[in-house]
Amino acid sequence: MEITFLGTSSMVPTKDRNHAGVFVTHGSEGILFDCGEGTQRQLKIAGIPLTRITKILITHWHGDHVLGLPGLVQSLGSMNYDKRLCIYGPKGTKKRLALLKKAFVFEEKVELDVFDIKKEIFYEDALLSLQALLLEHTTDCLGFSIIEHEKRKIDMNAAKRLGLSEGPLIGKLQEGSNVKINNKVISPDEVSHIEKGMKISYVTDTALCNNAVKLAKDSDILICESTYADDLEEKAEKYKHMTSRHAGMLANKANVNQLILTHFSQRYKDIHQIAEDAKTVFSNVTCAYDFMKVKL
């Protein structure tokens, strides 16, 4: 998987930070978390083709998280986009997207599948699952996790010692089936081990809450809002956002490996204090910046 940060500001963009947007690639999937104003331009600057997008996950319908959506869909329509674009969001997403289409001269050139998320695991295939939980904001807001399924990793040296080489028998072992070679049955456990899949969680625009902890549990990377430094805790509570220290507490409680902070208020020209506040309760902290990439 690779993560690209497209926008790391909060409600008001700055000359260095765009509205919210994070793009994750996994195999043939291109998953966009939120689509703030200017997201398609950020994708182009990052060198990511718009047609790479397969799914858009909307946390909530505040403008800084969705204002780029109509333009992005219209641009895809001009590019002969040949996939079905799946858009997922909280209750009311289908209705709101329909209203957006009425607000513009909107040519129906892209096949859209739009879903109001109604269950925790809302998508699953052979490689990964997508999870959503309701957070605590001033409007319905979801947090998301991408959970890679565990996979069987073949030890090719051990396999070769038993007379196996690359080919269909290795494929069967990876699927967990026994194979037979030279009248000997070989089990998957003799030449392989199970490798835990990666987990990325995305939590933004919320107060610190139990569902945020549940969603982020054991994540390899937690991408979390840090709208305010710790000295503005009362403002954070009023608007149901997190301070950087709250984000650190979440990472600690959820036993995550790495915390990446984003969604910074435009008031911060220097985010050094934000990082330091988080590090008082969690050590492995990075502050995101636009176009930062993380490979897993």
Protein backbone atom coordinates (compact mmCIF):
# COMPACT_ATOMS: atom_id res chain seq x y z
CA MET A 1 0.00 0.00 0.00
CA GLU A 2 1.01 3.60 -0.55
CA ILE A 3 -0.52 6.67 1.10
CA THR A 4 -0.42 10.12 -0.49
CA PHE A 5 -1.54 13.16 1.51
CA LEU A 6 -3.35 15.54 -0.85
CA GLY A 7 -4.65 18.05 1.68
CA THR A 8 -3.68 18.57 5.32
CA SER A 9 -5.51 21.76 6.30
CA SER A 10 -8.85 21.98 8.09
CA MET A 11 -11.75 24.32 7.23
CA VAL A 12 -9.66 27.02 5.54
CA PRO A 13 -6.87 26.05 3.12
CA THR A 14 -3.53 27.85 3.20
CA LYS A 15 -0.92 28.49 0.52
CA ASP A 16 0.84 25.29 1.65
CA ARG A 17 -2.07 23.10 2.75
CA ASN A 18 -5.13 22.11 0.73
CA HIS A 19 -8.51 20.94 2.01
CA ALA A 20 -8.84 17.35 3.25
CA GLY A 21 -7.87 14.47 1.00
CA VAL A 22 -5.81 11.27 1.41
CA PHE A 23 -5.27 8.75 -1.38
CA VAL A 24 -4.39 5.09 -0.72
CA THR A 25 -3.41 2.56 -3.38
CA HIS A 26 -3.68 -1.19 -2.86
CA GLY A 27 -3.29 -3.41 -5.91
CA SER A 28 -5.90 -2.31 -8.44
CA GLU A 29 -7.78 -0.23 -5.85
CA GLY A 30 -7.35 3.53 -5.56
CA ILE A 31 -9.19 4.69 -2.44
CA LEU A 32 -9.71 8.41 -1.80
CA PHE A 33 -10.56 9.51 1.73
CA ASP A 34 -12.55 12.76 1.41
CA CYS A 35 -12.51 15.13 -1.55
CA GLY A 36 -11.97 18.71 -0.46
CA GLU A 37 -11.88 21.63 -2.87
CA GLY A 38 -8.88 21.36 -5.21
CA THR A 39 -8.38 17.62 -4.75
CA GLN A 40 -8.20 16.86 -8.47
CA ARG A 41 -5.46 19.48 -8.91
CA GLN A 42 -3.56 17.98 -5.97
CA LEU A 43 -3.79 14.54 -7.61
CA LYS A 44 -2.34 15.93 -10.81
CA ILE A 45 0.54 17.63 -8.98
CA ALA A 46 1.23 14.35 -7.16
CA GLY A 47 1.39 12.55 -10.51
CA ILE A 48 -1.64 10.37 -9.77
CA PRO A 49 -4.04 9.89 -12.72
CA LEU A 50 -7.62 10.72 -11.77
CA THR A 51 -8.64 7.46 -13.43
CA ARG A 52 -6.68 5.58 -10.73
CA ILE A 53 -9.56 6.27 -8.31
CA THR A 54 -11.95 3.37 -7.76
CA LYS A 55 -13.59 4.34 -4.47
CA ILE A 56 -14.26 7.59 -2.61
CA LEU A 57 -14.95 7.39 1.13
CA ILE A 58 -16.65 10.51 2.51
CA THR A 59 -16.34 11.03 6.26
CA HIS A 60 -19.03 13.74 6.43
CA TRP A 61 -20.65 16.49 4.40
CA HIS A 62 -18.96 19.62 5.70
CA GLY A 63 -17.73 21.58 2.69
CA ASP A 64 -14.00 21.24 3.35
CA HIS A 65 -14.35 17.48 2.90
CA VAL A 66 -16.59 17.32 -0.21
CA LEU A 67 -16.43 20.52 -2.27
CA GLY A 68 -14.04 18.91 -4.75
CA LEU A 69 -16.39 16.05 -5.52
CA PRO A 70 -18.51 17.55 -8.37
CA GLY A 71 -15.46 18.77 -10.29
CA LEU A 72 -13.64 15.48 -9.86
CA VAL A 73 -16.57 13.44 -11.18
CA GLN A 74 -17.04 15.79 -14.13
CA SER A 75 -13.33 15.57 -14.98
CA LEU A 76 -13.51 11.78 -14.90
CA GLY A 77 -16.40 12.00 -17.35
CA SER A 78 -14.19 13.87 -19.82
CA MET A 79 -11.50 11.18 -19.58
CA ASN A 80 -13.53 8.17 -20.75
CA TYR A 81 -13.37 6.70 -17.27
CA ASP A 82 -14.35 3.07 -17.84
CA LYS A 83 -14.94 1.88 -14.26
CA ARG A 84 -17.90 2.16 -11.93
CA LEU A 85 -16.99 4.81 -9.37
CA CYS A 86 -18.13 3.77 -5.89
CA ILE A 87 -18.85 6.57 -3.42
CA TYR A 88 -19.52 5.69 0.22
CA GLY A 89 -20.52 8.01 3.03
CA PRO A 90 -22.73 8.51 6.09
CA LYS A 91 -26.52 8.52 6.11
CA GLY A 92 -27.83 11.00 3.53
CA THR A 93 -24.94 10.63 1.09
CA LYS A 94 -27.13 9.39 -1.79
CA LYS A 95 -29.56 12.26 -1.28
CA ARG A 96 -26.84 14.91 -1.00
CA LEU A 97 -25.02 13.71 -4.10
CA ALA A 98 -28.27 13.78 -6.05
CA LEU A 99 -28.79 17.40 -4.95
CA LEU A 100 -25.25 18.28 -6.04
CA LYS A 101 -25.97 16.89 -9.49
CA LYS A 102 -29.05 19.09 -9.70
CA ALA A 103 -27.04 22.17 -8.74
CA PHE A 104 -24.76 21.87 -11.78
CA VAL A 105 -25.15 21.11 -15.47
CA PHE A 106 -24.07 17.56 -14.80
CA GLU A 107 -23.58 15.23 -17.74
CA GLU A 108 -24.07 11.59 -16.82
CA LYS A 109 -20.79 10.29 -18.24
CA VAL A 110 -19.55 8.37 -15.21
CA GLU A 111 -21.35 5.33 -13.80
CA LEU A 112 -21.75 6.02 -10.09
CA ASP A 113 -22.63 3.58 -7.34
CA VAL A 114 -23.48 5.66 -4.26
CA PHE A 115 -23.95 4.07 -0.83
CA ASP A 116 -25.14 5.26 2.56
CA ILE A 117 -23.02 3.08 4.84
CA LYS A 118 -25.24 0.98 7.08
CA LYS A 119 -22.89 -1.64 8.52
CA GLU A 120 -19.44 -1.73 10.05
CA ILE A 121 -17.76 -3.86 7.36
CA PHE A 122 -19.25 -2.24 4.27
CA TYR A 123 -16.98 -3.72 1.58
CA GLU A 124 -14.91 -6.88 1.34
CA ASP A 125 -13.03 -8.74 -1.38
CA ALA A 126 -10.28 -11.36 -1.51
CA LEU A 127 -7.59 -8.86 -0.49
CA LEU A 128 -9.08 -6.36 1.94
CA SER A 129 -12.02 -5.15 4.00
CA LEU A 130 -13.29 -1.61 4.53
CA GLN A 131 -14.63 -0.70 7.97
CA ALA A 132 -16.59 2.35 9.11
CA LEU A 133 -17.79 3.54 12.51
CA LEU A 134 -19.77 6.62 13.51
CA LEU A 135 -17.70 9.22 15.36
CA GLU A 136 -18.71 12.25 17.49
CA HIS A 137 -18.86 15.46 15.45
CA THR A 138 -21.43 18.22 14.91
CA THR A 139 -22.92 16.20 12.04
CA ASP A 140 -22.92 12.51 11.12
CA CYS A 141 -19.26 11.67 10.58
CA LEU A 142 -17.58 8.33 9.88
CA GLY A 143 -14.08 7.08 10.52
CA PHE A 144 -12.64 4.44 8.21
CA SER A 145 -10.16 1.57 8.22
CA ILE A 146 -8.59 -0.33 5.35
CA ILE A 147 -7.81 -3.83 6.63
CA GLU A 148 -5.65 -6.08 4.49
CA HIS A 149 -6.44 -9.78 4.89
CA GLU A 150 -3.75 -12.02 6.30
CA LYS A 151 -1.84 -13.92 3.62
CA ARG A 152 0.28 -17.02 3.37
CA LYS A 153 3.92 -16.30 2.52
CA ILE A 154 5.83 -19.11 0.81
CA ASP A 155 9.42 -19.87 1.80
CA MET A 156 10.73 -20.69 -1.68
CA ASN A 157 13.99 -22.14 -0.31
CA ALA A 158 12.03 -24.64 1.79
CA ALA A 159 9.75 -25.36 -1.18
CA LYS A 160 12.70 -26.02 -3.51
CA ARG A 161 14.23 -28.44 -1.02
CA LEU A 162 11.04 -30.48 -1.34
CA GLY A 163 11.18 -30.39 -5.14
CA LEU A 164 8.73 -27.53 -5.69
CA SER A 165 9.28 -24.59 -8.03
CA GLU A 166 7.23 -21.61 -9.16
CA GLY A 167 3.95 -22.72 -10.70
CA PRO A 168 0.41 -23.89 -9.97
CA LEU A 169 1.43 -26.06 -6.99
CA ILE A 170 2.84 -23.00 -5.23
CA GLY A 171 -0.44 -21.22 -5.94
CA LYS A 172 -2.39 -24.05 -4.30
CA LEU A 173 -0.15 -23.91 -1.24
CA GLN A 174 -0.76 -20.15 -0.99
CA GLU A 175 -4.47 -20.89 -1.03
CA GLY A 176 -3.96 -23.22 1.94
CA SER A 177 -4.34 -26.54 0.10
CA ASN A 178 -2.13 -29.60 0.33
CA VAL A 179 -0.21 -30.61 -2.80
CA LYS A 180 1.35 -33.88 -3.90
CA ILE A 181 4.77 -34.24 -5.55
CA ASN A 182 6.84 -37.43 -6.01
CA ASN A 183 4.13 -39.37 -4.16
CA LYS A 184 4.58 -37.15 -1.11
CA VAL A 185 1.87 -34.89 0.30
CA ILE A 186 3.13 -31.45 1.29
CA SER A 187 1.04 -29.23 3.58
CA PRO A 188 1.13 -25.43 3.39
CA ASP A 189 2.57 -25.19 6.90
CA GLU A 190 5.71 -27.07 5.80
CA VAL A 191 6.77 -24.35 3.38
CA SER A 192 4.96 -21.18 4.46
CA HIS A 193 3.72 -19.02 7.29
CA ILE A 194 0.76 -16.70 7.79
CA GLU A 195 1.61 -13.00 7.54
CA LYS A 196 -0.68 -10.45 9.17
CA GLY A 197 -2.18 -7.90 6.81
CA MET A 198 -1.65 -4.16 7.17
CA LYS A 199 -4.25 -1.81 8.65
CA ILE A 200 -4.65 1.91 7.96
CA SER A 201 -7.20 3.96 9.89
CA TYR A 202 -8.48 7.46 9.09
CA VAL A 203 -10.10 9.44 11.90
CA THR A 204 -11.02 13.07 11.41
CA ASP A 205 -13.50 15.67 12.66
CA THR A 206 -14.45 14.09 15.94
CA ALA A 207 -14.08 14.34 19.67
CA LEU A 208 -12.07 11.55 21.28
CA CYS A 209 -14.58 8.70 21.61
CA ASN A 210 -14.87 4.94 22.07
CA ASN A 211 -15.61 4.28 18.40
CA ALA A 212 -12.43 6.08 17.39
CA VAL A 213 -10.46 3.75 19.68
CA LYS A 214 -12.29 0.69 18.35
CA LEU A 215 -11.70 1.71 14.74
CA ALA A 216 -8.00 2.49 15.20
CA LYS A 217 -7.27 -0.64 17.27
CA ASP A 218 -3.90 -2.20 16.32
CA SER A 219 -3.52 -0.06 13.19
CA ASP A 220 -0.13 0.02 11.52
CA ILE A 221 -0.84 3.65 10.65
CA LEU A 222 -3.44 5.92 12.22
CA ILE A 223 -4.11 9.08 10.20
CA CYS A 224 -5.77 11.39 12.68
CA GLU A 225 -6.98 14.95 12.82
CA SER A 226 -5.07 17.38 14.99
CA THR A 227 -6.98 20.58 14.41
CA TYR A 228 -5.68 22.35 17.53
CA ALA A 229 -2.69 22.35 19.84
CA ASP A 230 -3.34 21.39 23.46
CA ASP A 231 -3.81 24.98 24.67
CA LEU A 232 -7.06 25.22 22.67
CA GLU A 233 -8.72 22.19 24.23
CA GLU A 234 -11.90 24.13 25.09
CA LYS A 235 -12.30 25.22 21.46
CA ALA A 236 -11.74 21.61 20.35
CA GLU A 237 -14.45 20.38 22.72
CA LYS A 238 -16.87 23.09 21.56
CA TYR A 239 -16.55 22.17 17.88
CA LYS A 240 -16.02 18.43 18.50
CA HIS A 241 -12.49 18.22 17.18
CA MET A 242 -9.33 16.75 18.64
CA THR A 243 -6.21 18.45 19.88
CA SER A 244 -2.87 16.86 19.05
CA ARG A 245 -2.69 15.49 22.59
CA HIS A 246 -6.10 13.86 22.13
CA ALA A 247 -4.74 12.24 18.95
CA GLY A 248 -1.77 10.94 20.90
CA MET A 249 -4.07 9.55 23.58
CA LEU A 250 -6.12 7.81 20.89
CA ALA A 251 -2.99 6.25 19.37
CA ASN A 252 -1.89 5.09 22.81
CA LYS A 253 -5.25 3.57 23.75
CA ALA A 254 -5.61 1.88 20.36
CA ASN A 255 -2.10 0.39 20.38
CA VAL A 256 -1.21 1.73 16.95
CA ASN A 257 2.26 1.58 15.46
CA GLN A 258 2.53 5.05 13.90
CA LEU A 259 0.45 8.21 14.30
CA ILE A 260 0.31 10.66 11.40
CA LEU A 261 -1.32 13.98 12.25
CA THR A 262 -3.28 16.03 9.71
CA HIS A 263 -6.22 18.49 9.41
CA PHE A 264 -4.38 21.42 11.00
CA SER A 265 -6.10 24.75 11.68
CA GLN A 266 -4.94 27.53 9.38
CA ARG A 267 -3.79 29.46 12.47
CA TYR A 268 -0.65 27.29 12.67
CA LYS A 269 2.21 28.43 10.48
CA ASP A 270 4.55 26.23 12.54
CA ILE A 271 3.23 22.85 13.69
CA HIS A 272 6.16 22.08 16.00
CA GLN A 273 4.01 22.56 19.12
CA ILE A 274 1.32 20.26 17.71
CA ALA A 275 3.85 17.46 17.29
CA GLU A 276 5.31 18.03 20.76
CA ASP A 277 1.87 17.93 22.42
CA ALA A 278 1.11 14.56 20.82
CA LYS A 279 4.52 13.18 21.80
CA THR A 280 3.78 13.77 25.49
CA VAL A 281 1.52 10.70 25.33
CA PHE A 282 2.69 8.80 22.20
CA SER A 283 6.21 8.66 20.80
CA ASN A 284 5.93 7.68 17.12
CA VAL A 285 4.36 10.85 15.68
CA THR A 286 4.67 12.41 12.23
CA CYS A 287 3.01 15.61 11.03
CA ALA A 288 1.73 15.25 7.48
CA TYR A 289 2.28 17.79 4.73
CA ASP A 290 0.72 18.05 1.29
CA PHE A 291 2.16 15.47 -1.15
CA MET A 292 3.84 13.45 1.59
CA LYS A 293 3.96 9.76 0.63
CA VAL A 294 4.15 6.74 2.93
CA LYS A 295 4.83 3.23 1.62
CA LEU A 296 3.89 0.14 3.58
